[in-house]
């Protein structure tokens, strides 16, 4: 099997990580392209003594750490508004903490693997993750609309949202109900399943909502490959079913972290 064939199954998830890290589909994809170009240019340098997925993320991390630092040093004159807001918030959050959080909770790497990827001792990784969660949660509070037709999953999501200090505006099980709830009480975040109770689409519900106002959206699906196709538009934030609570918390924190118009609790 060629190197390209070994890496292909992992690319959708690397794009997911890159987008969550940067808060932007365009920026995330740019870093992924740069990583692939580096591998194509020097395939002999790709690590063959570790899993292909780990080697792919290691290459990405190397590109991110060098390029991101250079761009940060160059200033933010060309930054988009969400990116500029994120950078201001990043002044209070160490980049390594955010990377450790995403790699463990979202991408499912072990503490040992993350230590390898970010070039830190294993003893530091857990502290970095805890630091990131605490800092991000302190910066963002909002109201959340849950679009989910499975009662147990909806209850789980409600519990996670409230444990993070956010409010739940409601739980919708159909497209029409989701749009109605969003119009009734504007949320600062939407968690959206894709297949809903009446065979309507959570994607269509989100499109209807976004036609009325801007709000960060996290899609939830058992089939992420259907959305992470490399075609546009794609969701920046995506949770795979079945999910872990920490994955949901991480993704919510990241989505709100990069949002420029978070609706505050009680606001």
C-alpha atoms as a PDB file:
ATOM      1  CA  UNK A   1       0.000   0.000   0.000  1.00  0.00           C
ATOM      2  CA  UNK A   2       1.359   3.413  -0.972  1.00  0.00           C
ATOM      3  CA  UNK A   3       1.919   6.195   1.557  1.00  0.00           C
ATOM      4  CA  UNK A   4      -0.930   8.159   0.012  1.00  0.00           C
ATOM      5  CA  UNK A   5      -3.317   5.242   0.471  1.00  0.00           C
ATOM      6  CA  UNK A   6      -2.230   4.881   4.096  1.00  0.00           C
ATOM      7  CA  UNK A   7      -2.828   8.556   4.836  1.00  0.00           C
ATOM      8  CA  UNK A   8      -6.096   9.039   2.910  1.00  0.00           C
ATOM      9  CA  UNK A   9      -8.471   7.678   5.615  1.00  0.00           C
ATOM     10  CA  UNK A  10      -7.015  10.101   8.160  1.00  0.00           C
ATOM     11  CA  UNK A  11      -7.246  13.292   6.097  1.00  0.00           C
ATOM     12  CA  UNK A  12     -10.901  14.143   6.919  1.00  0.00           C
ATOM     13  CA  UNK A  13     -10.067  14.039  10.608  1.00  0.00           C
ATOM     14  CA  UNK A  14      -6.869  16.040  10.211  1.00  0.00           C
ATOM     15  CA  UNK A  15      -8.988  18.692   8.441  1.00  0.00           C
ATOM     16  CA  UNK A  16     -11.403  18.618  11.376  1.00  0.00           C
ATOM     17  CA  UNK A  17      -8.546  19.148  13.820  1.00  0.00           C
ATOM     18  CA  UNK A  18      -6.982  21.909  11.726  1.00  0.00           C
ATOM     19  CA  UNK A  19     -10.285  23.765  11.441  1.00  0.00           C
ATOM     20  CA  UNK A  20     -10.945  23.532  15.159  1.00  0.00           C
ATOM     21  CA  UNK A  21      -7.411  24.704  15.890  1.00  0.00           C
ATOM     22  CA  UNK A  22      -7.657  27.724  13.602  1.00  0.00           C
ATOM     23  CA  UNK A  23     -11.401  28.380  13.849  1.00  0.00           C
ATOM     24  CA  UNK A  24     -11.624  28.563  10.062  1.00  0.00           C
ATOM     25  CA  UNK A  25     -12.230  26.075   7.262  1.00  0.00           C
ATOM     26  CA  UNK A  26     -10.030  28.068   4.890  1.00  0.00           C
ATOM     27  CA  UNK A  27      -7.169  28.486   7.344  1.00  0.00           C
ATOM     28  CA  UNK A  28      -7.365  24.907   8.581  1.00  0.00           C
ATOM     29  CA  UNK A  29      -7.363  23.511   5.056  1.00  0.00           C
ATOM     30  CA  UNK A  30      -4.403  25.724   4.178  1.00  0.00           C
ATOM     31  CA  UNK A  31      -2.300  24.146   6.919  1.00  0.00           C
ATOM     32  CA  UNK A  32      -3.376  20.657   5.852  1.00  0.00           C
ATOM     33  CA  UNK A  33      -2.384  21.394   2.248  1.00  0.00           C
ATOM     34  CA  UNK A  34       0.982  22.665   3.414  1.00  0.00           C
ATOM     35  CA  UNK A  35       1.508  19.458   5.392  1.00  0.00           C
ATOM     36  CA  UNK A  36       0.643  17.257   2.409  1.00  0.00           C
ATOM     37  CA  UNK A  37       2.896  19.317   0.152  1.00  0.00           C
ATOM     38  CA  UNK A  38       5.757  18.801   2.601  1.00  0.00           C
ATOM     39  CA  UNK A  39       5.168  15.034   2.574  1.00  0.00           C
ATOM     40  CA  UNK A  40       5.003  14.904  -1.234  1.00  0.00           C
ATOM     41  CA  UNK A  41       8.166  17.002  -1.532  1.00  0.00           C
ATOM     42  CA  UNK A  42      10.177  14.759   0.796  1.00  0.00           C
ATOM     43  CA  UNK A  43       8.444  11.375   1.287  1.00  0.00           C
ATOM     44  CA  UNK A  44      11.686   9.859   2.527  1.00  0.00           C
ATOM     45  CA  UNK A  45      11.485  12.119   5.590  1.00  0.00           C
ATOM     46  CA  UNK A  46       8.047  10.868   6.595  1.00  0.00           C
ATOM     47  CA  UNK A  47       8.425   8.739   9.776  1.00  0.00           C
ATOM     48  CA  UNK A  48       7.919   5.066   8.916  1.00  0.00           C
ATOM     49  CA  UNK A  49       8.490   3.636  12.378  1.00  0.00           C
ATOM     50  CA  UNK A  50       5.156   4.912  13.759  1.00  0.00           C
ATOM     51  CA  UNK A  51       1.500   4.671  12.728  1.00  0.00           C
ATOM     52  CA  UNK A  52       0.710   6.649   9.547  1.00  0.00           C
ATOM     53  CA  UNK A  53      -1.904   8.694  11.404  1.00  0.00           C
ATOM     54  CA  UNK A  54       0.592   9.698  14.060  1.00  0.00           C
ATOM     55  CA  UNK A  55       3.162  10.570  11.415  1.00  0.00           C
ATOM     56  CA  UNK A  56       0.610  12.674   9.532  1.00  0.00           C
ATOM     57  CA  UNK A  57      -0.323  14.681  12.608  1.00  0.00           C
ATOM     58  CA  UNK A  58       3.344  15.018  13.551  1.00  0.00           C
ATOM     59  CA  UNK A  59       4.030  16.546  10.144  1.00  0.00           C
ATOM     60  CA  UNK A  60       1.066  18.890  10.559  1.00  0.00           C
ATOM     61  CA  UNK A  61       2.252  19.938  14.014  1.00  0.00           C
ATOM     62  CA  UNK A  62       5.678  20.778  12.649  1.00  0.00           C
ATOM     63  CA  UNK A  63       4.140  22.935   9.911  1.00  0.00           C
ATOM     64  CA  UNK A  64       1.775  24.598  12.372  1.00  0.00           C
ATOM     65  CA  UNK A  65       4.420  25.397  14.952  1.00  0.00           C
ATOM     66  CA  UNK A  66       6.781  27.012  12.459  1.00  0.00           C
ATOM     67  CA  UNK A  67       4.330  28.734  10.106  1.00  0.00           C
ATOM     68  CA  UNK A  68       1.906  29.876  12.802  1.00  0.00           C
ATOM     69  CA  UNK A  69       4.677  31.488  14.819  1.00  0.00           C
ATOM     70  CA  UNK A  70       5.970  33.297  11.741  1.00  0.00           C
ATOM     71  CA  UNK A  71       2.480  34.595  10.900  1.00  0.00           C
ATOM     72  CA  UNK A  72       1.862  35.647  14.489  1.00  0.00           C
ATOM     73  CA  UNK A  73       5.104  37.607  14.464  1.00  0.00           C
ATOM     74  CA  UNK A  74       4.034  39.285  11.216  1.00  0.00           C
ATOM     75  CA  UNK A  75       0.970  40.805  12.887  1.00  0.00           C
ATOM     76  CA  UNK A  76      -2.800  40.569  12.371  1.00  0.00           C
ATOM     77  CA  UNK A  77      -3.458  43.259   9.731  1.00  0.00           C
ATOM     78  CA  UNK A  78      -4.793  40.678   7.263  1.00  0.00           C
ATOM     79  CA  UNK A  79      -6.678  38.571   9.796  1.00  0.00           C
ATOM     80  CA  UNK A  80     -10.413  38.006   9.392  1.00  0.00           C
ATOM     81  CA  UNK A  81     -12.575  39.325  12.202  1.00  0.00           C
ATOM     82  CA  UNK A  82     -13.199  35.896  13.828  1.00  0.00           C
ATOM     83  CA  UNK A  83      -9.492  35.142  13.601  1.00  0.00           C
ATOM     84  CA  UNK A  84      -8.592  38.519  15.084  1.00  0.00           C
ATOM     85  CA  UNK A  85     -10.976  37.916  17.979  1.00  0.00           C
ATOM     86  CA  UNK A  86      -9.532  34.444  18.463  1.00  0.00           C
ATOM     87  CA  UNK A  87      -6.017  35.853  18.557  1.00  0.00           C
ATOM     88  CA  UNK A  88      -7.006  38.337  21.227  1.00  0.00           C
ATOM     89  CA  UNK A  89      -8.425  35.515  23.278  1.00  0.00           C
ATOM     90  CA  UNK A  90      -5.327  33.429  22.578  1.00  0.00           C
ATOM     91  CA  UNK A  91      -3.326  36.056  24.426  1.00  0.00           C
ATOM     92  CA  UNK A  92      -4.874  34.526  27.544  1.00  0.00           C
ATOM     93  CA  UNK A  93      -4.558  30.906  26.438  1.00  0.00           C
ATOM     94  CA  UNK A  94      -1.290  29.142  25.700  1.00  0.00           C
ATOM     95  CA  UNK A  95      -1.367  27.607  22.187  1.00  0.00           C
ATOM     96  CA  UNK A  96       0.066  24.334  23.472  1.00  0.00           C
ATOM     97  CA  UNK A  97      -2.804  24.016  25.938  1.00  0.00           C
ATOM     98  CA  UNK A  98      -5.338  24.276  23.131  1.00  0.00           C
ATOM     99  CA  UNK A  99      -3.455  21.785  20.992  1.00  0.00           C
ATOM    100  CA  UNK A 100      -3.243  19.302  23.868  1.00  0.00           C
ATOM    101  CA  UNK A 101      -6.961  19.675  24.495  1.00  0.00           C
ATOM    102  CA  UNK A 102      -7.965  19.079  20.883  1.00  0.00           C
ATOM    103  CA  UNK A 103      -5.572  16.194  20.305  1.00  0.00           C
ATOM    104  CA  UNK A 104      -6.773  14.281  23.362  1.00  0.00           C
ATOM    105  CA  UNK A 105     -10.472  15.065  23.591  1.00  0.00           C
ATOM    106  CA  UNK A 106     -11.375  15.564  19.927  1.00  0.00           C
ATOM    107  CA  UNK A 107      -8.857  13.423  18.048  1.00  0.00           C
ATOM    108  CA  UNK A 108      -8.592  10.665  20.647  1.00  0.00           C
ATOM    109  CA  UNK A 109      -4.818  10.514  20.933  1.00  0.00           C
ATOM    110  CA  UNK A 110      -3.337   9.101  24.121  1.00  0.00           C
ATOM    111  CA  UNK A 111      -1.358  11.264  26.529  1.00  0.00           C
ATOM    112  CA  UNK A 112       1.763   9.507  25.290  1.00  0.00           C
ATOM    113  CA  UNK A 113       0.940  10.272  21.657  1.00  0.00           C
ATOM    114  CA  UNK A 114       0.161  13.921  22.386  1.00  0.00           C
ATOM    115  CA  UNK A 115       3.439  14.295  24.227  1.00  0.00           C
ATOM    116  CA  UNK A 116       5.143  13.006  21.083  1.00  0.00           C
ATOM    117  CA  UNK A 117       3.148  15.296  18.781  1.00  0.00           C
ATOM    118  CA  UNK A 118       3.680  18.538  20.689  1.00  0.00           C
ATOM    119  CA  UNK A 119       7.169  17.592  21.891  1.00  0.00           C
ATOM    120  CA  UNK A 120       6.458  17.766  25.608  1.00  0.00           C
ATOM    121  CA  UNK A 121       6.817  15.400  28.543  1.00  0.00           C
ATOM    122  CA  UNK A 122       3.806  13.210  29.291  1.00  0.00           C
ATOM    123  CA  UNK A 123       3.538  14.738  32.750  1.00  0.00           C
ATOM    124  CA  UNK A 124       2.815  18.136  31.178  1.00  0.00           C
ATOM    125  CA  UNK A 125       0.005  17.094  28.838  1.00  0.00           C
ATOM    126  CA  UNK A 126      -2.744  16.546  31.450  1.00  0.00           C
ATOM    127  CA  UNK A 127      -1.978  19.894  33.053  1.00  0.00           C
ATOM    128  CA  UNK A 128      -2.160  21.588  29.654  1.00  0.00           C
ATOM    129  CA  UNK A 129      -5.577  20.056  28.947  1.00  0.00           C
ATOM    130  CA  UNK A 130      -6.995  21.119  32.309  1.00  0.00           C
ATOM    131  CA  UNK A 131      -5.585  24.598  31.840  1.00  0.00           C
ATOM    132  CA  UNK A 132      -7.177  24.960  28.406  1.00  0.00           C
ATOM    133  CA  UNK A 133     -10.651  23.848  29.496  1.00  0.00           C
ATOM    134  CA  UNK A 134     -10.686  26.139  32.512  1.00  0.00           C
ATOM    135  CA  UNK A 135      -9.499  29.172  30.570  1.00  0.00           C
ATOM    136  CA  UNK A 136     -11.817  28.722  27.597  1.00  0.00           C
ATOM    137  CA  UNK A 137     -14.855  28.172  29.799  1.00  0.00           C
ATOM    138  CA  UNK A 138     -14.050  31.344  31.734  1.00  0.00           C
ATOM    139  CA  UNK A 139     -14.091  33.367  28.496  1.00  0.00           C
ATOM    140  CA  UNK A 140     -17.360  32.145  26.985  1.00  0.00           C
ATOM    141  CA  UNK A 141     -20.896  31.791  28.330  1.00  0.00           C
ATOM    142  CA  UNK A 142     -23.927  31.556  26.054  1.00  0.00           C
ATOM    143  CA  UNK A 143     -27.340  30.041  25.265  1.00  0.00           C
ATOM    144  CA  UNK A 144     -27.471  26.808  23.293  1.00  0.00           C
ATOM    145  CA  UNK A 145     -30.116  25.314  20.993  1.00  0.00           C
ATOM    146  CA  UNK A 146     -29.998  21.517  20.727  1.00  0.00           C
ATOM    147  CA  UNK A 147     -31.377  19.919  17.544  1.00  0.00           C
ATOM    148  CA  UNK A 148     -31.517  16.190  18.311  1.00  0.00           C
ATOM    149  CA  UNK A 149     -34.359  13.660  17.934  1.00  0.00           C
ATOM    150  CA  UNK A 150     -32.930  10.892  20.131  1.00  0.00           C
ATOM    151  CA  UNK A 151     -34.112  11.617  23.720  1.00  0.00           C
ATOM    152  CA  UNK A 152     -31.171  10.049  25.547  1.00  0.00           C
ATOM    153  CA  UNK A 153     -28.617  11.844  23.409  1.00  0.00           C
ATOM    154  CA  UNK A 154     -30.510  15.109  23.774  1.00  0.00           C
ATOM    155  CA  UNK A 155     -30.541  14.711  27.552  1.00  0.00           C
ATOM    156  CA  UNK A 156     -26.824  13.981  27.546  1.00  0.00           C
ATOM    157  CA  UNK A 157     -26.110  17.084  25.468  1.00  0.00           C
ATOM    158  CA  UNK A 158     -28.278  19.229  27.741  1.00  0.00           C
ATOM    159  CA  UNK A 159     -26.373  17.954  30.757  1.00  0.00           C
ATOM    160  CA  UNK A 160     -23.006  18.710  29.171  1.00  0.00           C
ATOM    161  CA  UNK A 161     -24.080  22.204  28.130  1.00  0.00           C
ATOM    162  CA  UNK A 162     -25.363  23.075  31.591  1.00  0.00           C
ATOM    163  CA  UNK A 163     -22.317  21.576  33.315  1.00  0.00           C
ATOM    164  CA  UNK A 164     -20.210  24.013  31.265  1.00  0.00           C
ATOM    165  CA  UNK A 165     -22.220  26.934  32.613  1.00  0.00           C
ATOM    166  CA  UNK A 166     -24.332  27.573  29.507  1.00  0.00           C
ATOM    167  CA  UNK A 167     -28.119  27.723  29.195  1.00  0.00           C
ATOM    168  CA  UNK A 168     -30.241  25.505  26.932  1.00  0.00           C
ATOM    169  CA  UNK A 169     -32.866  27.466  24.996  1.00  0.00           C
ATOM    170  CA  UNK A 170     -34.668  24.308  23.908  1.00  0.00           C
ATOM    171  CA  UNK A 171     -34.464  20.903  22.240  1.00  0.00           C
ATOM    172  CA  UNK A 172     -35.857  20.544  18.712  1.00  0.00           C
ATOM    173  CA  UNK A 173     -36.573  17.209  17.029  1.00  0.00           C
ATOM    174  CA  UNK A 174     -37.575  18.459  13.561  1.00  0.00           C
ATOM    175  CA  UNK A 175     -36.425  21.110  11.090  1.00  0.00           C
ATOM    176  CA  UNK A 176     -39.491  23.299  11.568  1.00  0.00           C
ATOM    177  CA  UNK A 177     -39.290  23.085  15.346  1.00  0.00           C
ATOM    178  CA  UNK A 178     -35.597  23.983  15.285  1.00  0.00           C
ATOM    179  CA  UNK A 179     -36.187  27.088  13.187  1.00  0.00           C
ATOM    180  CA  UNK A 180     -39.138  28.152  15.347  1.00  0.00           C
ATOM    181  CA  UNK A 181     -37.133  27.784  18.572  1.00  0.00           C
ATOM    182  CA  UNK A 182     -34.207  29.694  17.088  1.00  0.00           C
ATOM    183  CA  UNK A 183     -36.465  32.564  16.044  1.00  0.00           C
ATOM    184  CA  UNK A 184     -38.228  32.604  19.413  1.00  0.00           C
ATOM    185  CA  UNK A 185     -35.045  32.856  21.485  1.00  0.00           C
ATOM    186  CA  UNK A 186     -31.871  33.515  19.548  1.00  0.00           C
ATOM    187  CA  UNK A 187     -29.127  31.105  20.643  1.00  0.00           C
ATOM    188  CA  UNK A 188     -25.409  31.790  20.786  1.00  0.00           C
ATOM    189  CA  UNK A 189     -24.606  28.231  19.681  1.00  0.00           C
ATOM    190  CA  UNK A 190     -26.422  25.420  17.858  1.00  0.00           C
ATOM    191  CA  UNK A 191     -25.750  21.696  18.330  1.00  0.00           C
ATOM    192  CA  UNK A 192     -27.338  19.953  15.347  1.00  0.00           C
ATOM    193  CA  UNK A 193     -27.966  16.323  14.518  1.00  0.00           C
ATOM    194  CA  UNK A 194     -28.287  15.620  10.800  1.00  0.00           C
ATOM    195  CA  UNK A 195     -31.145  13.103  10.562  1.00  0.00           C
ATOM    196  CA  UNK A 196     -34.225  14.303  12.433  1.00  0.00           C
ATOM    197  CA  UNK A 197     -37.483  12.731  13.642  1.00  0.00           C
ATOM    198  CA  UNK A 198     -39.702  13.451  10.647  1.00  0.00           C
ATOM    199  CA  UNK A 199     -36.950  12.562   8.143  1.00  0.00           C
ATOM    200  CA  UNK A 200     -36.152  16.254   7.801  1.00  0.00           C
ATOM    201  CA  UNK A 201     -32.551  17.406   7.761  1.00  0.00           C
ATOM    202  CA  UNK A 202     -30.621  19.134  10.506  1.00  0.00           C
ATOM    203  CA  UNK A 203     -28.447  20.584   7.762  1.00  0.00           C
ATOM    204  CA  UNK A 204     -31.500  22.261   6.220  1.00  0.00           C
ATOM    205  CA  UNK A 205     -32.570  23.509   9.648  1.00  0.00           C
ATOM    206  CA  UNK A 206     -29.173  25.101  10.157  1.00  0.00           C
ATOM    207  CA  UNK A 207     -29.298  26.709   6.701  1.00  0.00           C
ATOM    208  CA  UNK A 208     -32.678  28.232   7.561  1.00  0.00           C
ATOM    209  CA  UNK A 209     -31.355  29.576  10.854  1.00  0.00           C
ATOM    210  CA  UNK A 210     -28.173  30.979   9.315  1.00  0.00           C
ATOM    211  CA  UNK A 211     -30.271  32.756   6.697  1.00  0.00           C
ATOM    212  CA  UNK A 212     -31.718  34.817   9.565  1.00  0.00           C
ATOM    213  CA  UNK A 213     -28.648  35.437  11.735  1.00  0.00           C
ATOM    214  CA  UNK A 214     -25.059  34.315  12.267  1.00  0.00           C
ATOM    215  CA  UNK A 215     -24.394  31.698  14.937  1.00  0.00           C
ATOM    216  CA  UNK A 216     -21.689  29.047  15.418  1.00  0.00           C
ATOM    217  CA  UNK A 217     -22.888  25.513  14.662  1.00  0.00           C
ATOM    218  CA  UNK A 218     -21.587  22.115  15.732  1.00  0.00           C
ATOM    219  CA  UNK A 219     -22.895  19.194  13.688  1.00  0.00           C
ATOM    220  CA  UNK A 220     -23.332  15.784  15.293  1.00  0.00           C
ATOM    221  CA  UNK A 221     -23.371  12.670  13.109  1.00  0.00           C
ATOM    222  CA  UNK A 222     -22.518   8.998  12.985  1.00  0.00           C
ATOM    223  CA  UNK A 223     -21.184   9.485   9.465  1.00  0.00           C
ATOM    224  CA  UNK A 224     -18.639  12.347   9.506  1.00  0.00           C
ATOM    225  CA  UNK A 225     -17.164  11.272   6.196  1.00  0.00           C
ATOM    226  CA  UNK A 226     -20.393  12.429   4.521  1.00  0.00           C
ATOM    227  CA  UNK A 227     -19.627  15.992   5.572  1.00  0.00           C
ATOM    228  CA  UNK A 228     -15.821  15.959   5.482  1.00  0.00           C
ATOM    229  CA  UNK A 229     -15.530  15.389   1.750  1.00  0.00           C
ATOM    230  CA  UNK A 230     -13.112  18.169   0.885  1.00  0.00           C
ATOM    231  CA  UNK A 231     -15.892  20.008  -0.954  1.00  0.00           C
ATOM    232  CA  UNK A 232     -17.269  23.360   0.147  1.00  0.00           C
ATOM    233  CA  UNK A 233     -19.063  24.312   2.246  1.00  0.00           C
ATOM    234  CA  UNK A 234     -18.152  22.027   5.135  1.00  0.00           C
ATOM    235  CA  UNK A 235     -18.708  22.407   8.871  1.00  0.00           C
ATOM    236  CA  UNK A 236     -15.817  23.795  10.845  1.00  0.00           C
ATOM    237  CA  UNK A 237     -16.957  21.925  13.948  1.00  0.00           C
ATOM    238  CA  UNK A 238     -18.110  18.318  13.817  1.00  0.00           C
ATOM    239  CA  UNK A 239     -18.714  15.672  16.479  1.00  0.00           C
ATOM    240  CA  UNK A 240     -18.828  11.985  15.622  1.00  0.00           C
ATOM    241  CA  UNK A 241     -21.397   9.661  17.198  1.00  0.00           C
ATOM    242  CA  UNK A 242     -21.032   7.923  19.535  1.00  0.00           C
ATOM    243  CA  UNK A 243     -19.257  10.763  21.288  1.00  0.00           C
ATOM    244  CA  UNK A 244     -17.388  11.242  24.537  1.00  0.00           C
ATOM    245  CA  UNK A 245     -18.449  14.003  26.928  1.00  0.00           C
ATOM    246  CA  UNK A 246     -14.992  15.535  26.793  1.00  0.00           C
ATOM    247  CA  UNK A 247     -15.184  15.683  23.000  1.00  0.00           C
ATOM    248  CA  UNK A 248     -18.423  17.660  23.189  1.00  0.00           C
ATOM    249  CA  UNK A 249     -17.023  20.001  25.832  1.00  0.00           C
ATOM    250  CA  UNK A 250     -13.891  20.596  23.792  1.00  0.00           C
ATOM    251  CA  UNK A 251     -15.789  21.295  20.595  1.00  0.00           C
ATOM    252  CA  UNK A 252     -18.238  23.660  22.295  1.00  0.00           C
ATOM    253  CA  UNK A 253     -15.367  25.535  23.896  1.00  0.00           C
ATOM    254  CA  UNK A 254     -13.549  25.843  20.575  1.00  0.00           C
ATOM    255  CA  UNK A 255     -16.640  26.947  18.641  1.00  0.00           C
ATOM    256  CA  UNK A 256     -17.400  29.686  21.155  1.00  0.00           C
ATOM    257  CA  UNK A 257     -13.753  30.603  21.459  1.00  0.00           C
ATOM    258  CA  UNK A 258     -13.610  31.583  17.792  1.00  0.00           C
ATOM    259  CA  UNK A 259     -17.105  33.100  17.567  1.00  0.00           C
ATOM    260  CA  UNK A 260     -17.340  36.838  17.094  1.00  0.00           C
ATOM    261  CA  UNK A 261     -20.949  37.247  18.211  1.00  0.00           C
ATOM    262  CA  UNK A 262     -21.529  34.989  21.205  1.00  0.00           C
ATOM    263  CA  UNK A 263     -24.881  35.671  22.868  1.00  0.00           C
ATOM    264  CA  UNK A 264     -24.145  35.908  26.600  1.00  0.00           C
ATOM    265  CA  UNK A 265     -26.133  34.095  29.248  1.00  0.00           C
ATOM    266  CA  UNK A 266     -28.735  36.475  30.597  1.00  0.00           C
ATOM    267  CA  UNK A 267     -28.065  38.868  27.694  1.00  0.00           C
END
